[in-house]
Amino acid sequence: MIAAEHLVIGVTGLNATENPGSGIPVIRALRDGFGENICIIGLCYEPLEPGIYLKNMVDKTYQIPYPAAGTDALLERLQVIQQQEKLNFLIPNFDAELYNFIKLEPQLKQLGIHTFLPSQSQLAGRDKINLPVLGKQLQFNVPETFIVTKISSLKEASEKIGFPLVIKGKYYDAQVAETPEQAQEAFYKLSAKWGLPIIIQQFISGTEINVAVLGDGKGNVISQVSMRKMYITEKGKAWAGT
């Protein structure tokens, strides 16, 4: 256990539905490492997020605006929370919220809230739409991928890749399409929900594995945990594994 002064830490990602957040695992790790020396402030988007109600996990919870509300709304809410709780650190756990938190990093530091966030260019570099470029730079194989913004481009990509193929939303969701009709339906569904572009990707059969890695900020790996996907939700997210 780590010896430290009493810390107040804000954590997002408390949902555990079909697109589960990683907030609760993060909190478990913090409590395992710091014991009674921390106070966890949950930052939720909806009042019924399951993680709020887990015993001995979250000490107090505040609702924050969705990322689409922008940085001004988020900063205003965090200023109110900071007046009440005096956060030392804040750990965001969703890809979609990182842009706003990164943009607010200087203001958060002025409020006394410390973060450990990538730069905007680093965030963009690991985006799904930029994965082929990243793979080429780092010399690892990436399934054949096309980024499309219109239905005619979907047809062209499908003809080049062949079926089955995977249709992925900009932020979340993935569907395997066996036919052109299924691909078109998935395109309209995911673009309506998450916006454009849509990722069209070669389907690779085999064992699916998630890997969570803790880095030191200098390109080195401190530790990693691998999980074989045993069950996924309809959104294509891992729900259970070994």
Protein backbone atom coordinates (compact mmCIF):
# COMPACT_ATOMS: atom_id res chain seq x y z
CA MET A 1 0.00 0.00 0.00
CA ILE A 2 1.25 3.47 -0.87
CA ALA A 3 1.86 5.89 1.98
CA ALA A 4 0.47 9.31 1.05
CA GLU A 5 -1.35 12.30 2.43
CA HIS A 6 -5.13 12.28 2.14
CA LEU A 7 -6.06 12.72 -1.52
CA VAL A 8 -9.33 13.72 -3.16
CA ILE A 9 -9.68 12.19 -6.62
CA GLY A 10 -12.42 12.76 -9.19
CA VAL A 11 -13.22 9.78 -11.44
CA THR A 12 -15.54 9.49 -14.46
CA GLY A 13 -16.82 6.36 -16.20
CA LEU A 14 -19.18 5.00 -13.53
CA ASN A 15 -21.64 3.35 -15.90
CA ALA A 16 -21.76 -0.45 -16.27
CA THR A 17 -24.32 -0.92 -19.02
CA GLU A 18 -23.81 -2.18 -22.59
CA ASN A 19 -20.93 0.24 -23.06
CA PRO A 20 -19.30 -0.15 -19.63
CA GLY A 21 -16.96 2.50 -18.33
CA SER A 22 -13.67 1.79 -16.60
CA GLY A 23 -14.25 4.09 -13.64
CA ILE A 24 -15.00 1.36 -11.08
CA PRO A 25 -11.88 -0.73 -11.91
CA VAL A 26 -9.83 2.47 -11.63
CA ILE A 27 -11.38 3.21 -8.23
CA ARG A 28 -10.71 -0.34 -7.03
CA ALA A 29 -7.05 0.03 -8.01
CA LEU A 30 -6.81 3.39 -6.22
CA ARG A 31 -8.36 2.02 -3.04
CA ASP A 32 -6.09 -1.02 -3.17
CA GLY A 33 -3.07 1.24 -3.50
CA PHE A 34 -3.98 4.06 -1.11
CA GLY A 35 -6.42 2.43 1.33
CA GLU A 36 -8.14 4.94 3.58
CA ASN A 37 -5.98 7.83 2.40
CA ILE A 38 -8.28 8.79 -0.47
CA CYS A 39 -11.72 10.24 -1.04
CA ILE A 40 -13.31 9.32 -4.37
CA ILE A 41 -15.58 11.87 -6.02
CA GLY A 42 -17.64 10.27 -8.77
CA LEU A 43 -18.35 12.37 -11.86
CA CYS A 44 -21.36 10.97 -13.69
CA TYR A 45 -23.41 11.91 -16.75
CA GLU A 46 -26.61 10.21 -15.60
CA PRO A 47 -27.94 9.83 -12.02
CA LEU A 48 -28.60 6.10 -12.47
CA GLU A 49 -25.08 5.04 -13.45
CA PRO A 50 -24.57 1.77 -11.49
CA GLY A 51 -21.11 2.65 -10.18
CA ILE A 52 -22.56 5.44 -8.06
CA TYR A 53 -24.31 2.92 -5.83
CA LEU A 54 -21.56 0.34 -5.29
CA LYS A 55 -20.75 0.12 -1.59
CA ASN A 56 -17.37 1.48 -0.48
CA MET A 57 -16.46 2.66 -3.97
CA VAL A 58 -17.63 6.27 -4.39
CA ASP A 59 -17.77 8.69 -1.44
CA LYS A 60 -19.80 11.37 -3.19
CA THR A 61 -21.07 11.94 -6.74
CA TYR A 62 -21.70 15.00 -8.90
CA GLN A 63 -23.33 15.12 -12.31
CA ILE A 64 -21.35 16.79 -15.09
CA PRO A 65 -22.50 17.88 -18.58
CA TYR A 66 -22.10 15.59 -21.58
CA PRO A 67 -19.05 16.30 -23.78
CA ALA A 68 -21.30 17.78 -26.49
CA ALA A 69 -22.09 20.68 -24.12
CA GLY A 70 -18.53 21.95 -24.63
CA THR A 71 -15.66 23.12 -22.46
CA ASP A 72 -17.34 26.20 -20.97
CA ALA A 73 -20.16 24.16 -19.45
CA LEU A 74 -17.72 21.55 -18.14
CA LEU A 75 -15.39 24.14 -16.59
CA GLU A 76 -18.27 25.96 -14.91
CA ARG A 77 -19.46 22.70 -13.33
CA LEU A 78 -15.97 21.66 -12.23
CA GLN A 79 -15.44 25.07 -10.59
CA VAL A 80 -18.54 24.47 -8.46
CA ILE A 81 -17.38 20.95 -7.57
CA GLN A 82 -13.89 22.18 -6.72
CA GLN A 83 -15.26 24.78 -4.31
CA GLN A 84 -16.99 22.00 -2.41
CA GLU A 85 -14.53 19.11 -2.62
CA LYS A 86 -11.00 20.48 -3.24
CA LEU A 87 -10.02 17.83 -5.78
CA ASN A 88 -6.30 16.99 -5.99
CA PHE A 89 -6.57 14.85 -9.12
CA LEU A 90 -9.08 14.10 -11.86
CA ILE A 91 -9.10 10.89 -13.93
CA PRO A 92 -11.36 10.90 -17.02
CA ASN A 93 -12.07 7.41 -18.42
CA PHE A 94 -13.97 7.91 -21.69
CA ASP A 95 -12.40 8.61 -25.09
CA ALA A 96 -15.21 10.99 -26.03
CA GLU A 97 -14.63 13.26 -23.01
CA LEU A 98 -10.85 13.56 -23.32
CA TYR A 99 -10.88 16.41 -25.85
CA ASN A 100 -12.63 18.74 -23.40
CA PHE A 101 -10.49 17.74 -20.42
CA ILE A 102 -7.26 18.18 -22.40
CA LYS A 103 -8.38 21.61 -23.57
CA LEU A 104 -9.15 22.59 -19.97
CA GLU A 105 -5.93 21.23 -18.48
CA PRO A 106 -4.35 24.69 -17.84
CA GLN A 107 -7.54 25.98 -16.15
CA LEU A 108 -7.84 22.82 -14.07
CA LYS A 109 -4.26 23.23 -12.88
CA GLN A 110 -5.06 26.80 -11.81
CA LEU A 111 -7.92 25.37 -9.75
CA GLY A 112 -5.51 22.95 -8.08
CA ILE A 113 -6.73 19.91 -10.03
CA HIS A 114 -3.90 17.78 -11.44
CA THR A 115 -4.29 15.47 -14.43
CA PHE A 116 -2.15 13.08 -16.49
CA LEU A 117 -3.45 13.52 -20.03
CA PRO A 118 -2.10 13.14 -23.56
CA SER A 119 -1.74 16.10 -25.88
CA GLN A 120 -4.41 16.76 -28.49
CA SER A 121 -2.06 15.44 -31.20
CA GLN A 122 -1.43 12.25 -29.22
CA LEU A 123 -5.17 11.78 -28.74
CA ALA A 124 -5.78 12.25 -32.46
CA GLY A 125 -2.94 9.86 -33.31
CA ARG A 126 -4.59 6.90 -31.58
CA ASP A 127 -8.05 7.63 -32.92
CA LYS A 128 -9.71 4.73 -34.76
CA ILE A 129 -9.81 6.73 -37.98
CA ASN A 130 -6.02 7.19 -37.83
CA LEU A 131 -5.16 3.59 -36.91
CA PRO A 132 -3.83 2.65 -40.38
CA VAL A 133 -1.38 5.57 -40.25
CA LEU A 134 -0.28 4.65 -36.72
CA GLY A 135 0.17 1.01 -37.74
CA LYS A 136 2.38 2.01 -40.65
CA GLN A 137 4.49 4.28 -38.44
CA LEU A 138 4.99 1.60 -35.78
CA GLN A 139 5.24 -1.30 -38.26
CA PHE A 140 2.37 -3.45 -37.01
CA ASN A 141 -0.37 -5.00 -39.10
CA VAL A 142 -3.79 -3.35 -39.23
CA PRO A 143 -6.87 -4.81 -40.99
CA GLU A 144 -7.58 -3.13 -44.31
CA THR A 145 -9.50 0.02 -43.42
CA PHE A 146 -11.48 2.70 -45.24
CA ILE A 147 -12.84 5.91 -43.73
CA VAL A 148 -16.12 6.86 -45.40
CA THR A 149 -18.52 9.78 -45.16
CA LYS A 150 -21.15 8.84 -47.76
CA ILE A 151 -23.04 5.76 -48.86
CA SER A 152 -21.38 5.64 -52.30
CA SER A 153 -17.97 5.37 -50.61
CA LEU A 154 -19.33 2.51 -48.49
CA LYS A 155 -20.13 0.59 -51.67
CA GLU A 156 -16.63 1.16 -53.06
CA ALA A 157 -14.98 0.09 -49.79
CA SER A 158 -17.17 -3.01 -49.54
CA GLU A 159 -16.20 -4.10 -53.05
CA LYS A 160 -12.50 -3.75 -52.24
CA ILE A 161 -12.62 -5.48 -48.84
CA GLY A 162 -15.29 -8.09 -49.52
CA PHE A 163 -17.76 -9.62 -47.07
CA PRO A 164 -18.01 -10.13 -44.16
CA LEU A 165 -16.70 -6.77 -43.02
CA VAL A 166 -16.94 -4.63 -39.89
CA ILE A 167 -18.76 -1.28 -39.69
CA LYS A 168 -17.50 0.87 -36.80
CA GLY A 169 -18.87 4.07 -35.31
CA LYS A 170 -16.67 7.13 -34.86
CA TYR A 171 -16.56 6.69 -31.08
CA TYR A 172 -18.35 3.45 -30.17
CA ASP A 173 -20.30 0.52 -31.60
CA ALA A 174 -19.28 -2.05 -34.18
CA GLN A 175 -21.35 -4.38 -36.35
CA VAL A 176 -20.31 -7.27 -38.58
CA ALA A 177 -22.06 -7.06 -41.96
CA GLU A 178 -22.49 -10.18 -44.07
CA THR A 179 -24.25 -8.49 -47.00
CA PRO A 180 -24.41 -5.07 -48.71
CA GLU A 181 -27.86 -4.54 -47.20
CA GLN A 182 -26.57 -5.13 -43.66
CA ALA A 183 -23.62 -2.82 -44.32
CA GLN A 184 -25.91 -0.03 -45.52
CA GLU A 185 -28.22 -0.44 -42.53
CA ALA A 186 -25.26 -0.31 -40.12
CA PHE A 187 -23.88 2.78 -41.89
CA TYR A 188 -27.09 4.75 -41.43
CA LYS A 189 -27.58 3.54 -37.85
CA LEU A 190 -24.06 4.35 -36.63
CA SER A 191 -23.73 7.65 -38.49
CA ALA A 192 -27.04 8.82 -37.02
CA LYS A 193 -25.88 7.93 -33.53
CA TRP A 194 -22.21 8.95 -33.53
CA GLY A 195 -21.79 11.12 -36.61
CA LEU A 196 -19.33 10.81 -39.48
CA PRO A 197 -16.94 9.42 -40.55
CA ILE A 198 -17.70 5.69 -40.40
CA ILE A 199 -14.91 3.10 -40.36
CA ILE A 200 -15.18 0.17 -42.79
CA GLN A 201 -12.75 -2.57 -41.85
CA GLN A 202 -11.71 -6.02 -43.00
CA PHE A 203 -13.15 -8.77 -40.79
CA ILE A 204 -10.49 -10.92 -39.13
CA SER A 205 -11.75 -14.14 -37.56
CA GLY A 206 -10.12 -15.53 -34.43
CA THR A 207 -9.76 -14.89 -30.73
CA GLU A 208 -10.43 -11.29 -29.69
CA ILE A 209 -8.23 -9.86 -26.96
CA ASN A 210 -8.35 -6.60 -25.02
CA VAL A 211 -5.09 -5.25 -23.62
CA ALA A 212 -4.94 -2.49 -21.00
CA VAL A 213 -1.53 -0.88 -20.63
CA LEU A 214 -0.14 1.50 -18.02
CA GLY A 215 2.60 3.71 -19.44
CA ASP A 216 5.07 6.07 -17.81
CA GLY A 217 4.51 8.94 -20.24
CA LYS A 218 7.86 8.30 -21.93
CA GLY A 219 6.91 5.40 -24.15
CA ASN A 220 7.66 2.67 -21.62
CA VAL A 221 5.20 0.08 -20.27
CA ILE A 222 4.90 -0.16 -16.49
CA SER A 223 2.41 -3.03 -16.58
CA GLN A 224 -0.29 -4.58 -18.77
CA VAL A 225 -3.35 -6.78 -18.40
CA SER A 226 -4.69 -8.94 -21.24
CA MET A 227 -8.24 -10.33 -21.44
CA ARG A 228 -9.70 -12.75 -23.95
CA LYS A 229 -13.21 -11.66 -24.91
CA MET A 230 -15.69 -14.37 -23.93
CA TYR A 231 -18.85 -12.29 -24.28
CA ILE A 232 -19.52 -8.98 -26.00
CA THR A 233 -22.52 -6.66 -25.91
CA GLU A 234 -24.53 -5.69 -28.97
CA LYS A 235 -22.30 -2.62 -29.17
CA GLY A 236 -19.25 -4.84 -29.64
CA LYS A 237 -17.84 -4.13 -26.18
CA ALA A 238 -16.28 -6.80 -23.98
CA TRP A 239 -18.54 -7.79 -21.08
CA ALA A 240 -16.86 -10.93 -19.77
CA GLY A 241 -13.51 -12.58 -20.38
CA THR A 242 -10.61 -14.62 -19.07
